[in-house]
Amino acid sequence: MRAARRRKIAPLLPSEAEAWRKDTPLLIGADPEFVLIRPDGKIAPASRYLGGVGGAAGSDAMLIGRRLMYPVAELRPEPAADPAGLTAGIRRLLLRAAGLVRDPSLRWAAGAMPVPGLALGGHIHLSGVRLTPRLLRLLDSYAAFPLALVEDPAGRGRRPRYGVLGDYRQQPHGGFEYRTLPSWLVSPAAAKAAFALALLCAREADALQDIPALDERYVAAYYAGDRAELAGCLDGVAASMAATASYVALAPYIEPLLDAARRGATWDERADIRVKWRIPRL
């Protein structure tokens, strides 16, 4: 449930650190969120169109006061071995959702906080890799920090209550869910970059030596939304990734995001995500 998102880094229990098998293939999954916004700026409850928490395209629960409500839409694609496969699965679910949400007046929005006070997440699931404090810090450094540099300035309100660095949750399938990221559902390019960065961390956990999430300057800059300070870690992160064996295959997904971060470009949380995902609008 969304009300219980925050979790601080702590030493992992043996059962958490060992909840994997060496013969399990490395797979990546996700459960990104988005909202349906009416012309008056208010949220149309996703449960009205997509049903409850079950299913591949449904809604997410949120405790508002004492009432359990389902305002946020959530996609739950099948896991995949690479960014392109997972992105294709997400687009299929968006097409399915489009067949259920038949109101042409609604805008579909994603990002960190497209509606003031409502934080969205782009949780990433990894299986077939050992969960360790080091891997969580790598995900913070190589996924959360670069994405924070291209995030809409309106999204800074998501932190620090949500978007806590190192936030994770164990999953029944034996993998874990990295919960720090905002909803990268803003575009296929942002989604592919998030997946590729997470996969690189999982594949190259021993090779990546630069870990800016261990530097209090960058941690403070991340929570404060200080792009100028946080951007100071970007060159080191890029060089460390480029030196790994996995980078050549993942670079086409990662480098557009790094280029946007260097240019100071940010995504627009006011935009309708269907445009970039090529989802027909009624």
C-alpha atoms as a PDB file:
ATOM      1  CA  MET A   1       0.000   0.000   0.000  1.00  0.00           C
ATOM      2  CA  ARG A   2       1.307   3.439  -0.885  1.00  0.00           C
ATOM      3  CA  ALA A   3       1.056   4.758   2.672  1.00  0.00           C
ATOM      4  CA  ALA A   4       3.888   2.470   3.779  1.00  0.00           C
ATOM      5  CA  ARG A   5       6.477   3.388   1.145  1.00  0.00           C
ATOM      6  CA  ARG A   6       9.239   4.885   3.256  1.00  0.00           C
ATOM      7  CA  ARG A   7      12.008   2.548   4.385  1.00  0.00           C
ATOM      8  CA  LYS A   8      15.495   3.497   5.475  1.00  0.00           C
ATOM      9  CA  ILE A   9      18.589   1.532   4.534  1.00  0.00           C
ATOM     10  CA  ALA A  10      19.519  -1.041   7.170  1.00  0.00           C
ATOM     11  CA  PRO A  11      21.824  -4.063   7.160  1.00  0.00           C
ATOM     12  CA  LEU A  12      20.053  -6.784   5.226  1.00  0.00           C
ATOM     13  CA  LEU A  13      18.906  -9.876   7.032  1.00  0.00           C
ATOM     14  CA  PRO A  14      20.486 -13.156   5.864  1.00  0.00           C
ATOM     15  CA  SER A  15      17.152 -14.222   4.363  1.00  0.00           C
ATOM     16  CA  GLU A  16      17.061 -11.010   2.316  1.00  0.00           C
ATOM     17  CA  ALA A  17      20.652 -11.198   1.144  1.00  0.00           C
ATOM     18  CA  GLU A  18      20.338 -14.849   0.135  1.00  0.00           C
ATOM     19  CA  ALA A  19      16.866 -14.813  -1.466  1.00  0.00           C
ATOM     20  CA  TRP A  20      18.179 -15.764  -4.887  1.00  0.00           C
ATOM     21  CA  ARG A  21      19.653 -18.694  -6.724  1.00  0.00           C
ATOM     22  CA  LYS A  22      22.754 -18.554  -8.895  1.00  0.00           C
ATOM     23  CA  ASP A  23      20.986 -20.447 -11.665  1.00  0.00           C
ATOM     24  CA  THR A  24      18.129 -17.893 -11.793  1.00  0.00           C
ATOM     25  CA  PRO A  25      18.312 -15.639 -14.879  1.00  0.00           C
ATOM     26  CA  LEU A  26      18.575 -11.913 -14.304  1.00  0.00           C
ATOM     27  CA  LEU A  27      15.176 -10.395 -15.109  1.00  0.00           C
ATOM     28  CA  ILE A  28      13.766  -6.905 -14.732  1.00  0.00           C
ATOM     29  CA  GLY A  29      10.169  -5.962 -14.027  1.00  0.00           C
ATOM     30  CA  ALA A  30       8.256  -2.876 -12.954  1.00  0.00           C
ATOM     31  CA  ASP A  31       4.999  -1.439 -11.661  1.00  0.00           C
ATOM     32  CA  PRO A  32       4.882   2.209 -12.826  1.00  0.00           C
ATOM     33  CA  GLU A  33       2.048   4.530 -11.817  1.00  0.00           C
ATOM     34  CA  PHE A  34       0.133   7.250 -13.626  1.00  0.00           C
ATOM     35  CA  VAL A  35      -2.955   9.344 -12.972  1.00  0.00           C
ATOM     36  CA  LEU A  36      -6.023  10.340 -14.939  1.00  0.00           C
ATOM     37  CA  ILE A  37      -6.626  14.097 -14.668  1.00  0.00           C
ATOM     38  CA  ARG A  38      -9.924  15.819 -15.435  1.00  0.00           C
ATOM     39  CA  PRO A  39     -10.113  19.185 -17.241  1.00  0.00           C
ATOM     40  CA  ASP A  40     -10.663  20.898 -13.870  1.00  0.00           C
ATOM     41  CA  GLY A  41      -7.332  19.501 -12.612  1.00  0.00           C
ATOM     42  CA  LYS A  42      -8.842  16.964 -10.243  1.00  0.00           C
ATOM     43  CA  ILE A  43      -8.052  13.255 -10.346  1.00  0.00           C
ATOM     44  CA  ALA A  44     -10.464  10.778 -11.874  1.00  0.00           C
ATOM     45  CA  PRO A  45     -10.110   7.592  -9.749  1.00  0.00           C
ATOM     46  CA  ALA A  46      -8.350   4.914 -11.782  1.00  0.00           C
ATOM     47  CA  SER A  47     -10.507   2.244 -10.124  1.00  0.00           C
ATOM     48  CA  ARG A  48     -13.524   3.672 -11.957  1.00  0.00           C
ATOM     49  CA  TYR A  49     -12.036   2.457 -15.243  1.00  0.00           C
ATOM     50  CA  LEU A  50      -9.388  -0.144 -14.446  1.00  0.00           C
ATOM     51  CA  GLY A  51     -10.769  -1.954 -11.414  1.00  0.00           C
ATOM     52  CA  GLY A  52      -8.916  -2.702  -8.180  1.00  0.00           C
ATOM     53  CA  VAL A  53      -5.397  -3.852  -7.362  1.00  0.00           C
ATOM     54  CA  GLY A  54      -5.545  -7.100  -9.327  1.00  0.00           C
ATOM     55  CA  GLY A  55      -4.609  -7.537 -12.974  1.00  0.00           C
ATOM     56  CA  ALA A  56      -1.851  -6.320 -15.273  1.00  0.00           C
ATOM     57  CA  ALA A  57      -3.414  -2.864 -15.665  1.00  0.00           C
ATOM     58  CA  GLY A  58      -5.252  -1.793 -12.529  1.00  0.00           C
ATOM     59  CA  SER A  59      -5.198   0.728  -9.704  1.00  0.00           C
ATOM     60  CA  ASP A  60      -3.126   1.231  -6.575  1.00  0.00           C
ATOM     61  CA  ALA A  61      -4.455   1.626  -3.048  1.00  0.00           C
ATOM     62  CA  MET A  62      -3.944   4.779  -1.018  1.00  0.00           C
ATOM     63  CA  LEU A  63      -5.122   5.614   2.489  1.00  0.00           C
ATOM     64  CA  ILE A  64      -6.727   9.084   2.493  1.00  0.00           C
ATOM     65  CA  GLY A  65      -7.773   9.970   6.009  1.00  0.00           C
ATOM     66  CA  ARG A  66      -9.525   6.795   7.127  1.00  0.00           C
ATOM     67  CA  ARG A  67     -10.726   5.819   3.688  1.00  0.00           C
ATOM     68  CA  LEU A  68      -8.989   3.296   1.436  1.00  0.00           C
ATOM     69  CA  MET A  69      -9.145   4.689  -2.108  1.00  0.00           C
ATOM     70  CA  TYR A  70      -7.751   3.719  -5.502  1.00  0.00           C
ATOM     71  CA  PRO A  71      -6.938   6.944  -7.342  1.00  0.00           C
ATOM     72  CA  VAL A  72      -3.730   5.897  -9.094  1.00  0.00           C
ATOM     73  CA  ALA A  73      -3.378   3.668 -12.164  1.00  0.00           C
ATOM     74  CA  GLU A  74      -0.668   1.027 -12.083  1.00  0.00           C
ATOM     75  CA  LEU A  75       0.794  -1.229 -14.781  1.00  0.00           C
ATOM     76  CA  ARG A  76       2.219  -4.659 -13.951  1.00  0.00           C
ATOM     77  CA  PRO A  77       3.986  -6.039 -17.046  1.00  0.00           C
ATOM     78  CA  GLU A  78       5.614  -9.439 -17.245  1.00  0.00           C
ATOM     79  CA  PRO A  79       9.347  -9.311 -16.423  1.00  0.00           C
ATOM     80  CA  ALA A  80      11.847  -9.313 -19.268  1.00  0.00           C
ATOM     81  CA  ALA A  81      15.556  -9.830 -19.843  1.00  0.00           C
ATOM     82  CA  ASP A  82      16.238  -6.455 -21.460  1.00  0.00           C
ATOM     83  CA  PRO A  83      14.932  -2.863 -21.572  1.00  0.00           C
ATOM     84  CA  ALA A  84      13.317  -3.223 -24.998  1.00  0.00           C
ATOM     85  CA  GLY A  85      11.288  -6.265 -23.962  1.00  0.00           C
ATOM     86  CA  LEU A  86       9.985  -4.675 -20.780  1.00  0.00           C
ATOM     87  CA  THR A  87       9.164  -1.416 -22.566  1.00  0.00           C
ATOM     88  CA  ALA A  88       7.189  -3.326 -25.195  1.00  0.00           C
ATOM     89  CA  GLY A  89       5.220  -5.031 -22.425  1.00  0.00           C
ATOM     90  CA  ILE A  90       4.401  -1.685 -20.854  1.00  0.00           C
ATOM     91  CA  ARG A  91       3.150  -0.278 -24.156  1.00  0.00           C
ATOM     92  CA  ARG A  92       0.869  -3.304 -24.575  1.00  0.00           C
ATOM     93  CA  LEU A  93      -0.649  -2.579 -21.170  1.00  0.00           C
ATOM     94  CA  LEU A  94      -1.091   1.098 -21.999  1.00  0.00           C
ATOM     95  CA  LEU A  95      -2.977   0.041 -25.124  1.00  0.00           C
ATOM     96  CA  ARG A  96      -5.131  -2.258 -22.991  1.00  0.00           C
ATOM     97  CA  ALA A  97      -5.822   0.590 -20.551  1.00  0.00           C
ATOM     98  CA  ALA A  98      -6.749   2.856 -23.452  1.00  0.00           C
ATOM     99  CA  GLY A  99      -9.481   0.410 -24.378  1.00  0.00           C
ATOM    100  CA  LEU A 100     -10.930   0.699 -20.881  1.00  0.00           C
ATOM    101  CA  VAL A 101     -10.552   4.437 -20.254  1.00  0.00           C
ATOM    102  CA  ARG A 102     -12.976   5.805 -22.822  1.00  0.00           C
ATOM    103  CA  ASP A 103     -13.280   9.367 -21.531  1.00  0.00           C
ATOM    104  CA  PRO A 104     -11.606  11.688 -24.097  1.00  0.00           C
ATOM    105  CA  SER A 105     -11.463  14.586 -21.648  1.00  0.00           C
ATOM    106  CA  LEU A 106      -8.933  12.903 -19.357  1.00  0.00           C
ATOM    107  CA  ARG A 107      -5.205  13.596 -19.444  1.00  0.00           C
ATOM    108  CA  TRP A 108      -2.844  10.743 -18.569  1.00  0.00           C
ATOM    109  CA  ALA A 109       0.071  12.038 -16.475  1.00  0.00           C
ATOM    110  CA  ALA A 110       3.171  10.507 -14.914  1.00  0.00           C
ATOM    111  CA  GLY A 111       6.445  11.695 -13.374  1.00  0.00           C
ATOM    112  CA  ALA A 112       7.151  12.436  -9.723  1.00  0.00           C
ATOM    113  CA  MET A 113       4.227  14.637  -8.697  1.00  0.00           C
ATOM    114  CA  PRO A 114       2.053  15.721 -11.658  1.00  0.00           C
ATOM    115  CA  VAL A 115      -0.715  16.608  -9.197  1.00  0.00           C
ATOM    116  CA  PRO A 116       0.381  18.598  -6.111  1.00  0.00           C
ATOM    117  CA  GLY A 117       0.517  16.361  -3.063  1.00  0.00           C
ATOM    118  CA  LEU A 118       0.225  13.052  -4.954  1.00  0.00           C
ATOM    119  CA  ALA A 119       3.576  11.287  -5.399  1.00  0.00           C
ATOM    120  CA  LEU A 120       3.955   8.661  -8.116  1.00  0.00           C
ATOM    121  CA  GLY A 121       6.449   5.824  -8.239  1.00  0.00           C
ATOM    122  CA  GLY A 122       8.281   3.896 -10.922  1.00  0.00           C
ATOM    123  CA  HIS A 123       9.269   0.836  -8.936  1.00  0.00           C
ATOM    124  CA  ILE A 124      11.727  -1.537 -10.604  1.00  0.00           C
ATOM    125  CA  HIS A 125      11.869  -5.261  -9.824  1.00  0.00           C
ATOM    126  CA  LEU A 126      15.065  -7.296 -10.104  1.00  0.00           C
ATOM    127  CA  SER A 127      15.422 -11.049  -9.774  1.00  0.00           C
ATOM    128  CA  GLY A 128      18.412 -13.303 -10.304  1.00  0.00           C
ATOM    129  CA  VAL A 129      20.773 -10.965  -8.439  1.00  0.00           C
ATOM    130  CA  ARG A 130      21.871 -10.824  -4.816  1.00  0.00           C
ATOM    131  CA  LEU A 131      20.345  -7.951  -2.856  1.00  0.00           C
ATOM    132  CA  THR A 132      23.064  -6.155  -0.883  1.00  0.00           C
ATOM    133  CA  PRO A 133      23.507  -2.676   0.632  1.00  0.00           C
ATOM    134  CA  ARG A 134      26.135  -2.038  -2.055  1.00  0.00           C
ATOM    135  CA  LEU A 135      23.674  -2.793  -4.860  1.00  0.00           C
ATOM    136  CA  LEU A 136      21.115  -0.432  -3.326  1.00  0.00           C
ATOM    137  CA  ARG A 137      23.695   2.359  -3.162  1.00  0.00           C
ATOM    138  CA  LEU A 138      24.617   1.675  -6.787  1.00  0.00           C
ATOM    139  CA  LEU A 139      20.962   1.953  -7.801  1.00  0.00           C
ATOM    140  CA  ASP A 140      20.781   5.256  -5.937  1.00  0.00           C
ATOM    141  CA  SER A 141      23.937   6.520  -7.663  1.00  0.00           C
ATOM    142  CA  TYR A 142      23.357   5.251 -11.198  1.00  0.00           C
ATOM    143  CA  ALA A 143      19.557   5.312 -11.493  1.00  0.00           C
ATOM    144  CA  ALA A 144      18.037   7.685  -8.911  1.00  0.00           C
ATOM    145  CA  PHE A 145      20.600  10.487  -9.299  1.00  0.00           C
ATOM    146  CA  PRO A 146      20.563  10.664 -13.140  1.00  0.00           C
ATOM    147  CA  LEU A 147      16.758  10.495 -13.237  1.00  0.00           C
ATOM    148  CA  ALA A 148      16.553  13.257 -10.624  1.00  0.00           C
ATOM    149  CA  LEU A 149      18.577  15.455 -12.981  1.00  0.00           C
ATOM    150  CA  VAL A 150      15.949  15.189 -15.743  1.00  0.00           C
ATOM    151  CA  GLU A 151      12.891  15.269 -13.503  1.00  0.00           C
ATOM    152  CA  ASP A 152      10.341  18.073 -13.863  1.00  0.00           C
ATOM    153  CA  PRO A 153      11.137  20.735 -11.196  1.00  0.00           C
ATOM    154  CA  ALA A 154       7.561  20.307  -9.952  1.00  0.00           C
ATOM    155  CA  GLY A 155       8.506  16.825  -8.799  1.00  0.00           C
ATOM    156  CA  ARG A 156      10.947  17.905  -6.093  1.00  0.00           C
ATOM    157  CA  GLY A 157       8.038  17.930  -3.626  1.00  0.00           C
ATOM    158  CA  ARG A 158       8.037  14.120  -3.772  1.00  0.00           C
ATOM    159  CA  ARG A 159      11.183  14.071  -1.667  1.00  0.00           C
ATOM    160  CA  PRO A 160      12.013  13.416   1.103  1.00  0.00           C
ATOM    161  CA  ARG A 161       8.759  11.763   2.163  1.00  0.00           C
ATOM    162  CA  TYR A 162       8.817   9.563  -0.945  1.00  0.00           C
ATOM    163  CA  GLY A 163      11.742   8.788  -3.200  1.00  0.00           C
ATOM    164  CA  VAL A 164      13.861   7.838  -0.196  1.00  0.00           C
ATOM    165  CA  LEU A 165      17.276   6.591  -1.292  1.00  0.00           C
ATOM    166  CA  GLY A 166      17.793   2.853  -0.884  1.00  0.00           C
ATOM    167  CA  ASP A 167      14.081   2.120  -0.504  1.00  0.00           C
ATOM    168  CA  TYR A 168      13.367  -1.537  -1.289  1.00  0.00           C
ATOM    169  CA  ARG A 169      10.955  -4.365  -0.601  1.00  0.00           C
ATOM    170  CA  GLN A 170      11.377  -8.115  -0.935  1.00  0.00           C
ATOM    171  CA  GLN A 171       9.152  -9.866  -3.455  1.00  0.00           C
ATOM    172  CA  PRO A 172       7.570 -13.358  -3.261  1.00  0.00           C
ATOM    173  CA  HIS A 173       9.306 -14.385  -6.491  1.00  0.00           C
ATOM    174  CA  GLY A 174      12.682 -14.213  -4.733  1.00  0.00           C
ATOM    175  CA  GLY A 175      13.760 -10.876  -6.152  1.00  0.00           C
ATOM    176  CA  PHE A 176      13.281  -7.387  -4.788  1.00  0.00           C
ATOM    177  CA  GLU A 177      11.618  -4.112  -5.675  1.00  0.00           C
ATOM    178  CA  TYR A 178      13.648  -0.894  -5.811  1.00  0.00           C
ATOM    179  CA  ARG A 179      11.132   1.794  -4.831  1.00  0.00           C
ATOM    180  CA  THR A 180      13.072   5.069  -4.948  1.00  0.00           C
ATOM    181  CA  LEU A 181      12.398   6.175  -8.528  1.00  0.00           C
ATOM    182  CA  PRO A 182       9.571   8.468  -9.694  1.00  0.00           C
ATOM    183  CA  SER A 183       7.292   7.293 -12.481  1.00  0.00           C
ATOM    184  CA  TRP A 184       9.530   7.236 -15.561  1.00  0.00           C
ATOM    185  CA  LEU A 185       6.347   6.431 -17.526  1.00  0.00           C
ATOM    186  CA  VAL A 186       6.630   9.965 -18.933  1.00  0.00           C
ATOM    187  CA  SER A 187       8.193   8.507 -22.101  1.00  0.00           C
ATOM    188  CA  PRO A 188       9.579   5.263 -23.563  1.00  0.00           C
ATOM    189  CA  ALA A 189      13.055   6.846 -23.554  1.00  0.00           C
ATOM    190  CA  ALA A 190      12.902   7.551 -19.813  1.00  0.00           C
ATOM    191  CA  ALA A 191      11.580   4.050 -19.170  1.00  0.00           C
ATOM    192  CA  LYS A 192      14.324   2.358 -21.191  1.00  0.00           C
ATOM    193  CA  ALA A 193      16.983   4.455 -19.480  1.00  0.00           C
ATOM    194  CA  ALA A 194      15.683   3.506 -16.027  1.00  0.00           C
ATOM    195  CA  PHE A 195      15.656  -0.196 -16.953  1.00  0.00           C
ATOM    196  CA  ALA A 196      19.113  -0.092 -18.514  1.00  0.00           C
ATOM    197  CA  LEU A 197      20.625   1.729 -15.527  1.00  0.00           C
ATOM    198  CA  ALA A 198      19.129  -0.791 -13.109  1.00  0.00           C
ATOM    199  CA  LEU A 199      20.341  -3.730 -15.203  1.00  0.00           C
ATOM    200  CA  LEU A 200      23.827  -2.254 -15.413  1.00  0.00           C
ATOM    201  CA  CYS A 201      23.969  -1.985 -11.630  1.00  0.00           C
ATOM    202  CA  ALA A 202      22.829  -5.602 -11.262  1.00  0.00           C
ATOM    203  CA  ARG A 203      25.241  -6.964 -13.866  1.00  0.00           C
ATOM    204  CA  GLU A 204      28.237  -4.882 -12.834  1.00  0.00           C
ATOM    205  CA  ALA A 205      27.802  -4.559  -9.080  1.00  0.00           C
ATOM    206  CA  ASP A 206      31.443  -5.526  -8.474  1.00  0.00           C
ATOM    207  CA  ALA A 207      32.893  -3.418 -11.295  1.00  0.00           C
ATOM    208  CA  LEU A 208      31.226  -0.062 -10.577  1.00  0.00           C
ATOM    209  CA  GLN A 209      33.571   1.706  -8.195  1.00  0.00           C
ATOM    210  CA  ASP A 210      32.298   5.292  -8.157  1.00  0.00           C
ATOM    211  CA  ILE A 211      29.416   5.473  -5.644  1.00  0.00           C
ATOM    212  CA  PRO A 212      28.284   9.092  -5.183  1.00  0.00           C
ATOM    213  CA  ALA A 213      25.360   7.991  -2.969  1.00  0.00           C
ATOM    214  CA  LEU A 214      28.007   7.516  -0.255  1.00  0.00           C
ATOM    215  CA  ASP A 215      28.911  11.218  -0.472  1.00  0.00           C
ATOM    216  CA  GLU A 216      26.773  13.408   1.785  1.00  0.00           C
ATOM    217  CA  ARG A 217      27.068  16.334  -0.672  1.00  0.00           C
ATOM    218  CA  TYR A 218      25.179  14.459  -3.349  1.00  0.00           C
ATOM    219  CA  VAL A 219      22.693  12.913  -0.957  1.00  0.00           C
ATOM    220  CA  ALA A 220      21.812  16.361   0.379  1.00  0.00           C
ATOM    221  CA  ALA A 221      21.586  17.750  -3.159  1.00  0.00           C
ATOM    222  CA  TYR A 222      19.252  14.924  -4.190  1.00  0.00           C
ATOM    223  CA  TYR A 223      16.814  15.588  -1.353  1.00  0.00           C
ATOM    224  CA  ALA A 224      17.005  19.366  -1.811  1.00  0.00           C
ATOM    225  CA  GLY A 225      16.441  19.185  -5.565  1.00  0.00           C
ATOM    226  CA  ASP A 226      19.776  20.992  -6.110  1.00  0.00           C
ATOM    227  CA  ARG A 227      20.536  20.050  -9.720  1.00  0.00           C
ATOM    228  CA  ALA A 228      23.722  22.114  -9.948  1.00  0.00           C
ATOM    229  CA  GLU A 229      25.312  20.263  -7.046  1.00  0.00           C
ATOM    230  CA  LEU A 230      23.969  16.837  -8.006  1.00  0.00           C
ATOM    231  CA  ALA A 231      25.240  17.216 -11.573  1.00  0.00           C
ATOM    232  CA  GLY A 232      28.754  17.197 -10.166  1.00  0.00           C
ATOM    233  CA  CYS A 233      28.593  13.410  -9.902  1.00  0.00           C
ATOM    234  CA  LEU A 234      27.489  12.832 -13.492  1.00  0.00           C
ATOM    235  CA  ASP A 235      30.885  12.631 -15.215  1.00  0.00           C
ATOM    236  CA  GLY A 236      32.210  10.122 -12.694  1.00  0.00           C
ATOM    237  CA  VAL A 237      29.076   7.987 -13.002  1.00  0.00           C
ATOM    238  CA  ALA A 238      29.258   8.064 -16.810  1.00  0.00           C
ATOM    239  CA  ALA A 239      32.951   7.128 -16.860  1.00  0.00           C
ATOM    240  CA  SER A 240      32.435   4.284 -14.412  1.00  0.00           C
ATOM    241  CA  MET A 241      29.583   2.848 -16.487  1.00  0.00           C
ATOM    242  CA  ALA A 242      31.497   3.199 -19.761  1.00  0.00           C
ATOM    243  CA  ALA A 243      34.342   1.104 -18.347  1.00  0.00           C
ATOM    244  CA  THR A 244      32.116  -1.950 -17.754  1.00  0.00           C
ATOM    245  CA  ALA A 245      31.626  -4.908 -20.083  1.00  0.00           C
ATOM    246  CA  SER A 246      27.841  -4.434 -20.116  1.00  0.00           C
ATOM    247  CA  TYR A 247      27.845  -0.822 -21.229  1.00  0.00           C
ATOM    248  CA  VAL A 248      28.107  -1.281 -25.000  1.00  0.00           C
ATOM    249  CA  ALA A 249      24.778  -3.137 -25.179  1.00  0.00           C
ATOM    250  CA  LEU A 250      22.992  -0.767 -22.780  1.00  0.00           C
ATOM    251  CA  ALA A 251      24.499   2.526 -23.954  1.00  0.00           C
ATOM    252  CA  PRO A 252      21.811   3.257 -26.585  1.00  0.00           C
ATOM    253  CA  TYR A 253      19.238   3.401 -23.772  1.00  0.00           C
ATOM    254  CA  ILE A 254      21.406   5.258 -21.257  1.00  0.00           C
ATOM    255  CA  GLU A 255      23.227   7.907 -23.282  1.00  0.00           C
ATOM    256  CA  PRO A 256      20.141   9.920 -24.317  1.00  0.00           C
ATOM    257  CA  LEU A 257      19.328  10.407 -20.636  1.00  0.00           C
ATOM    258  CA  LEU A 258      22.919  11.401 -19.796  1.00  0.00           C
ATOM    259  CA  ASP A 259      22.872  13.872 -22.675  1.00  0.00           C
ATOM    260  CA  ALA A 260      19.593  15.385 -21.440  1.00  0.00           C
ATOM    261  CA  ALA A 261      21.020  15.683 -17.924  1.00  0.00           C
ATOM    262  CA  ARG A 262      24.117  17.482 -19.217  1.00  0.00           C
ATOM    263  CA  ARG A 263      21.959  19.913 -21.231  1.00  0.00           C
ATOM    264  CA  GLY A 264      19.715  20.603 -18.263  1.00  0.00           C
ATOM    265  CA  ALA A 265      16.665  19.243 -20.102  1.00  0.00           C
ATOM    266  CA  THR A 266      13.774  17.979 -17.989  1.00  0.00           C
ATOM    267  CA  TRP A 267      10.581  16.073 -18.679  1.00  0.00           C
ATOM    268  CA  ASP A 268       7.223  17.845 -18.571  1.00  0.00           C
ATOM    269  CA  GLU A 269       4.752  16.368 -16.089  1.00  0.00           C
ATOM    270  CA  ARG A 270       1.917  18.375 -17.638  1.00  0.00           C
ATOM    271  CA  ALA A 271       2.183  16.415 -20.879  1.00  0.00           C
ATOM    272  CA  ASP A 272      -0.122  13.527 -21.760  1.00  0.00           C
ATOM    273  CA  ILE A 273       2.030  10.391 -21.733  1.00  0.00           C
ATOM    274  CA  ARG A 274       0.006   8.815 -24.550  1.00  0.00           C
ATOM    275  CA  VAL A 275       1.655  11.105 -27.087  1.00  0.00           C
ATOM    276  CA  LYS A 276       5.195   9.756 -26.645  1.00  0.00           C
ATOM    277  CA  TRP A 277       4.004   6.181 -26.123  1.00  0.00           C
ATOM    278  CA  ARG A 278       1.996   6.432 -29.383  1.00  0.00           C
ATOM    279  CA  ILE A 279      -1.237   5.418 -27.674  1.00  0.00           C
ATOM    280  CA  PRO A 280      -4.275   6.467 -29.745  1.00  0.00           C
ATOM    281  CA  ARG A 281      -6.542   9.028 -28.110  1.00  0.00           C
ATOM    282  CA  LEU A 282     -10.288   8.862 -28.649  1.00  0.00           C
END
